[in-house]
Amino acid sequence: MQAAMRFLSLVLIVLGLMLLGADVIASLEKGGEITVRSLDQVWMMINASSDLAFHGWLQRTIPQPGAQWVETVMGFWSWAVIGLPGVILAFLFGRHSDMRG
């Protein structure tokens, strides 16, 4: 279990770094104008129809306060939404040294 969680944290960290690097490249392409894509923007770039279907499902299924919370998370920076949980999992399931001398 611990090895699987460590692997998952590694995958999330790598994906977060890839998304951060893509934002840096996009910023350089725009002449230094800071570009940070939200999770929703990245999803739209990958598959727009599934993103629109998700938003429709969200509005039909989840009551309004919960749906608004999910919409807020979808507006956060993509690298933070993916990478930060990976860092947290890495700290929680990382190697623990034995304190016995």
N, C-alpha and C. Protein backbone atom coordinates (compact mmCIF):
# COMPACT_ATOMS: atom_id res chain seq x y z
N MET A 1 0.83 -1.20 0.00
CA MET A 1 0.00 0.00 0.00
C MET A 1 0.87 1.25 0.00
N GLN A 2 1.90 1.25 0.86
CA GLN A 2 2.75 2.42 0.95
C GLN A 2 3.51 2.65 -0.35
N ALA A 3 3.96 1.58 -0.99
CA ALA A 3 4.67 1.72 -2.26
C ALA A 3 3.76 2.27 -3.35
N ALA A 4 2.52 1.83 -3.36
CA ALA A 4 1.57 2.34 -4.35
C ALA A 4 1.29 3.83 -4.14
N MET A 5 1.15 4.24 -2.91
CA MET A 5 0.89 5.66 -2.63
C MET A 5 2.12 6.51 -2.96
N ARG A 6 3.30 5.98 -2.72
CA ARG A 6 4.52 6.71 -3.09
C ARG A 6 4.62 6.85 -4.59
N PHE A 7 4.25 5.80 -5.33
CA PHE A 7 4.26 5.87 -6.79
C PHE A 7 3.23 6.89 -7.28
N LEU A 8 2.03 6.87 -6.70
CA LEU A 8 1.00 7.83 -7.07
C LEU A 8 1.47 9.26 -6.80
N SER A 9 2.13 9.47 -5.67
CA SER A 9 2.63 10.82 -5.37
C SER A 9 3.68 11.24 -6.39
N LEU A 10 4.53 10.32 -6.81
CA LEU A 10 5.53 10.63 -7.82
C LEU A 10 4.88 11.01 -9.14
N VAL A 11 3.86 10.27 -9.55
CA VAL A 11 3.16 10.57 -10.80
C VAL A 11 2.49 11.94 -10.72
N LEU A 12 1.85 12.25 -9.60
CA LEU A 12 1.20 13.55 -9.45
C LEU A 12 2.20 14.69 -9.46
N ILE A 13 3.34 14.51 -8.81
CA ILE A 13 4.37 15.55 -8.81
C ILE A 13 4.91 15.77 -10.21
N VAL A 14 5.18 14.69 -10.94
CA VAL A 14 5.70 14.82 -12.30
C VAL A 14 4.68 15.51 -13.20
N LEU A 15 3.40 15.14 -13.10
CA LEU A 15 2.37 15.81 -13.90
C LEU A 15 2.26 17.29 -13.55
N GLY A 16 2.35 17.60 -12.26
CA GLY A 16 2.31 19.00 -11.84
C GLY A 16 3.48 19.80 -12.39
N LEU A 17 4.67 19.20 -12.40
CA LEU A 17 5.84 19.87 -12.96
C LEU A 17 5.72 20.03 -14.47
N MET A 18 5.12 19.05 -15.13
CA MET A 18 4.90 19.17 -16.57
C MET A 18 3.94 20.32 -16.88
N LEU A 19 2.88 20.44 -16.10
CA LEU A 19 1.92 21.53 -16.31
C LEU A 19 2.56 22.88 -16.01
N LEU A 20 3.39 22.94 -14.98
CA LEU A 20 4.09 24.18 -14.65
C LEU A 20 5.05 24.55 -15.78
N GLY A 21 5.77 23.56 -16.31
CA GLY A 21 6.67 23.82 -17.43
C GLY A 21 5.93 24.29 -18.67
N ALA A 22 4.75 23.73 -18.92
CA ALA A 22 3.95 24.18 -20.07
C ALA A 22 3.52 25.63 -19.90
N ASP A 23 3.20 26.03 -18.67
CA ASP A 23 2.85 27.42 -18.42
C ASP A 23 4.05 28.34 -18.61
N VAL A 24 5.22 27.88 -18.21
CA VAL A 24 6.44 28.69 -18.40
C VAL A 24 6.72 28.85 -19.89
N ILE A 25 6.60 27.78 -20.66
CA ILE A 25 6.82 27.84 -22.11
C ILE A 25 5.81 28.78 -22.76
N ALA A 26 4.54 28.68 -22.35
CA ALA A 26 3.51 29.57 -22.90
C ALA A 26 3.81 31.03 -22.55
N SER A 27 4.33 31.27 -21.36
CA SER A 27 4.68 32.64 -20.97
C SER A 27 5.84 33.16 -21.82
N LEU A 28 6.82 32.31 -22.10
CA LEU A 28 7.94 32.72 -22.95
C LEU A 28 7.49 32.99 -24.37
N GLU A 29 6.55 32.18 -24.87
CA GLU A 29 6.03 32.38 -26.22
C GLU A 29 5.27 33.69 -26.36
N LYS A 30 4.66 34.15 -25.28
CA LYS A 30 3.90 35.40 -25.31
C LYS A 30 4.76 36.61 -24.95
N GLY A 31 6.07 36.45 -25.02
CA GLY A 31 6.97 37.58 -24.77
C GLY A 31 7.10 37.95 -23.32
N GLY A 32 6.96 37.03 -22.42
CA GLY A 32 7.13 37.30 -21.00
C GLY A 32 5.84 37.57 -20.26
N GLU A 33 4.71 37.62 -20.96
CA GLU A 33 3.42 37.80 -20.29
C GLU A 33 3.09 36.52 -19.52
N ILE A 34 2.88 36.66 -18.22
CA ILE A 34 2.65 35.50 -17.37
C ILE A 34 1.38 34.77 -17.81
N THR A 35 1.52 33.48 -18.07
CA THR A 35 0.39 32.64 -18.47
C THR A 35 0.29 31.47 -17.50
N VAL A 36 -0.81 31.39 -16.81
CA VAL A 36 -1.06 30.27 -15.91
C VAL A 36 -2.44 29.72 -16.25
N ARG A 37 -2.48 28.48 -16.69
CA ARG A 37 -3.73 27.87 -17.11
C ARG A 37 -4.43 27.21 -15.93
N SER A 38 -5.76 27.34 -15.92
CA SER A 38 -6.54 26.67 -14.88
C SER A 38 -6.75 25.21 -15.27
N LEU A 39 -7.21 24.42 -14.32
CA LEU A 39 -7.49 23.02 -14.59
C LEU A 39 -8.57 22.89 -15.67
N ASP A 40 -9.54 23.78 -15.65
CA ASP A 40 -10.60 23.77 -16.65
C ASP A 40 -10.04 24.08 -18.04
N GLN A 41 -9.12 25.02 -18.15
CA GLN A 41 -8.52 25.35 -19.45
C GLN A 41 -7.72 24.18 -20.00
N VAL A 42 -6.98 23.50 -19.13
CA VAL A 42 -6.21 22.33 -19.58
C VAL A 42 -7.14 21.24 -20.05
N TRP A 43 -8.22 21.00 -19.31
CA TRP A 43 -9.18 19.97 -19.70
C TRP A 43 -9.82 20.33 -21.04
N MET A 44 -10.13 21.62 -21.25
CA MET A 44 -10.71 22.05 -22.52
C MET A 44 -9.73 21.82 -23.67
N MET A 45 -8.44 22.00 -23.43
CA MET A 45 -7.44 21.77 -24.48
C MET A 45 -7.34 20.29 -24.82
N ILE A 46 -7.51 19.43 -23.82
CA ILE A 46 -7.39 17.99 -24.06
C ILE A 46 -8.64 17.44 -24.73
N ASN A 47 -9.82 17.74 -24.17
CA ASN A 47 -11.07 17.22 -24.74
C ASN A 47 -12.21 18.15 -24.32
N ALA A 48 -12.56 19.06 -25.21
CA ALA A 48 -13.57 20.07 -24.89
C ALA A 48 -14.95 19.47 -24.65
N SER A 49 -15.31 18.45 -25.42
CA SER A 49 -16.66 17.91 -25.28
C SER A 49 -16.86 17.22 -23.92
N SER A 50 -15.83 16.54 -23.42
CA SER A 50 -15.99 15.91 -22.11
C SER A 50 -16.02 16.94 -20.99
N ASP A 51 -15.30 18.05 -21.17
CA ASP A 51 -15.35 19.12 -20.16
C ASP A 51 -16.74 19.73 -20.11
N LEU A 52 -17.32 19.99 -21.26
CA LEU A 52 -18.68 20.55 -21.29
C LEU A 52 -19.70 19.57 -20.74
N ALA A 53 -19.52 18.28 -21.05
CA ALA A 53 -20.42 17.25 -20.51
C ALA A 53 -20.29 17.17 -18.99
N PHE A 54 -19.06 17.30 -18.47
CA PHE A 54 -18.85 17.27 -17.02
C PHE A 54 -19.56 18.44 -16.35
N HIS A 55 -19.44 19.63 -16.93
CA HIS A 55 -20.09 20.80 -16.34
C HIS A 55 -21.62 20.66 -16.37
N GLY A 56 -22.16 20.09 -17.46
CA GLY A 56 -23.60 19.84 -17.52
C GLY A 56 -24.04 18.83 -16.47
N TRP A 57 -23.27 17.75 -16.33
CA TRP A 57 -23.57 16.74 -15.31
C TRP A 57 -23.50 17.33 -13.92
N LEU A 58 -22.50 18.18 -13.71
CA LEU A 58 -22.31 18.81 -12.40
C LEU A 58 -23.52 19.65 -12.02
N GLN A 59 -24.02 20.42 -12.96
CA GLN A 59 -25.17 21.29 -12.68
C GLN A 59 -26.45 20.48 -12.43
N ARG A 60 -26.59 19.33 -13.09
CA ARG A 60 -27.80 18.50 -12.93
C ARG A 60 -27.75 17.64 -11.67
N THR A 61 -26.57 17.23 -11.24
CA THR A 61 -26.45 16.20 -10.21
C THR A 61 -26.19 16.74 -8.82
N ILE A 62 -25.26 17.65 -8.70
CA ILE A 62 -24.82 18.11 -7.38
C ILE A 62 -25.57 19.40 -7.01
N PRO A 63 -26.05 19.50 -5.76
CA PRO A 63 -26.71 20.74 -5.32
C PRO A 63 -25.77 21.94 -5.45
N GLN A 64 -26.33 23.12 -5.54
CA GLN A 64 -25.59 24.33 -5.90
C GLN A 64 -24.35 24.63 -5.03
N PRO A 65 -24.39 24.58 -3.72
CA PRO A 65 -23.14 24.90 -3.00
C PRO A 65 -22.01 23.95 -3.35
N GLY A 66 -22.30 22.68 -3.52
CA GLY A 66 -21.27 21.71 -3.87
C GLY A 66 -20.76 21.91 -5.28
N ALA A 67 -21.67 22.21 -6.21
CA ALA A 67 -21.28 22.43 -7.59
C ALA A 67 -20.40 23.68 -7.70
N GLN A 68 -20.73 24.70 -6.94
CA GLN A 68 -19.92 25.92 -6.96
C GLN A 68 -18.51 25.65 -6.42
N TRP A 69 -18.41 24.78 -5.43
CA TRP A 69 -17.11 24.42 -4.87
C TRP A 69 -16.26 23.72 -5.93
N VAL A 70 -16.86 22.80 -6.68
CA VAL A 70 -16.13 22.09 -7.73
C VAL A 70 -15.72 23.07 -8.83
N GLU A 71 -16.60 23.99 -9.20
CA GLU A 71 -16.27 25.00 -10.21
C GLU A 71 -15.10 25.87 -9.74
N THR A 72 -15.05 26.17 -8.46
CA THR A 72 -13.94 26.95 -7.92
C THR A 72 -12.64 26.19 -8.04
N VAL A 73 -12.64 24.91 -7.69
CA VAL A 73 -11.43 24.08 -7.81
C VAL A 73 -11.00 23.98 -9.26
N MET A 74 -11.95 23.88 -10.18
CA MET A 74 -11.61 23.80 -11.61
C MET A 74 -10.97 25.10 -12.10
N GLY A 75 -11.16 26.19 -11.39
CA GLY A 75 -10.56 27.46 -11.76
C GLY A 75 -9.17 27.68 -11.19
N PHE A 76 -8.73 26.80 -10.30
CA PHE A 76 -7.38 26.93 -9.72
C PHE A 76 -6.32 26.59 -10.76
N TRP A 77 -5.08 26.97 -10.46
CA TRP A 77 -3.96 26.65 -11.35
C TRP A 77 -3.84 25.14 -11.49
N SER A 78 -3.69 24.69 -12.71
CA SER A 78 -3.66 23.25 -12.98
C SER A 78 -2.49 22.57 -12.29
N TRP A 79 -1.32 23.20 -12.30
CA TRP A 79 -0.16 22.56 -11.69
C TRP A 79 -0.32 22.44 -10.18
N ALA A 80 -1.03 23.37 -9.57
CA ALA A 80 -1.23 23.31 -8.13
C ALA A 80 -2.25 22.23 -7.76
N VAL A 81 -3.31 22.11 -8.55
CA VAL A 81 -4.34 21.11 -8.26
C VAL A 81 -3.78 19.70 -8.38
N ILE A 82 -2.87 19.48 -9.32
CA ILE A 82 -2.30 18.16 -9.54
C ILE A 82 -1.06 17.93 -8.68
N GLY A 83 -0.16 18.89 -8.62
CA GLY A 83 1.13 18.70 -7.96
C GLY A 83 1.10 18.76 -6.45
N LEU A 84 0.32 19.65 -5.88
CA LEU A 84 0.32 19.78 -4.42
C LEU A 84 -0.19 18.55 -3.69
N PRO A 85 -1.26 17.89 -4.16
CA PRO A 85 -1.62 16.62 -3.51
C PRO A 85 -0.50 15.58 -3.61
N GLY A 86 0.25 15.60 -4.70
CA GLY A 86 1.38 14.69 -4.83
C GLY A 86 2.46 14.96 -3.79
N VAL A 87 2.73 16.23 -3.54
CA VAL A 87 3.71 16.58 -2.51
C VAL A 87 3.22 16.17 -1.13
N ILE A 88 1.94 16.39 -0.86
CA ILE A 88 1.38 16.00 0.44
C ILE A 88 1.45 14.49 0.62
N LEU A 89 1.09 13.73 -0.42
CA LEU A 89 1.19 12.28 -0.34
C LEU A 89 2.63 11.82 -0.16
N ALA A 90 3.57 12.51 -0.81
CA ALA A 90 4.97 12.14 -0.67
C ALA A 90 5.44 12.33 0.78
N PHE A 91 4.98 13.39 1.43
CA PHE A 91 5.35 13.58 2.84
C PHE A 91 4.67 12.55 3.74
N LEU A 92 3.42 12.23 3.45
CA LEU A 92 2.70 11.29 4.30
C LEU A 92 3.21 9.86 4.16
N PHE A 93 3.55 9.45 2.93
CA PHE A 93 3.92 8.06 2.70
C PHE A 93 5.39 7.90 2.34
N GLY A 94 6.21 8.91 2.61
CA GLY A 94 7.63 8.82 2.32
C GLY A 94 8.34 7.85 3.25
N ARG A 95 9.60 7.66 2.99
CA ARG A 95 10.38 6.76 3.85
C ARG A 95 10.51 7.35 5.24
N HIS A 96 10.33 6.51 6.22
CA HIS A 96 10.46 6.93 7.61
C HIS A 96 11.69 6.26 8.19
N SER A 97 12.58 7.06 8.76
CA SER A 97 13.77 6.47 9.37
C SER A 97 13.40 5.94 10.75
N ASP A 98 14.03 4.86 11.12
CA ASP A 98 13.79 4.27 12.42
C ASP A 98 14.55 5.09 13.46
N MET A 99 13.86 5.57 14.48
CA MET A 99 14.47 6.43 15.49
C MET A 99 15.27 5.64 16.52
N ARG A 100 15.19 4.33 16.46
CA ARG A 100 15.96 3.53 17.42
C ARG A 100 17.43 3.56 17.03
N GLY A 101 18.26 3.80 17.96
CA GLY A 101 19.68 4.00 17.69
C GLY A 101 20.42 2.75 17.52
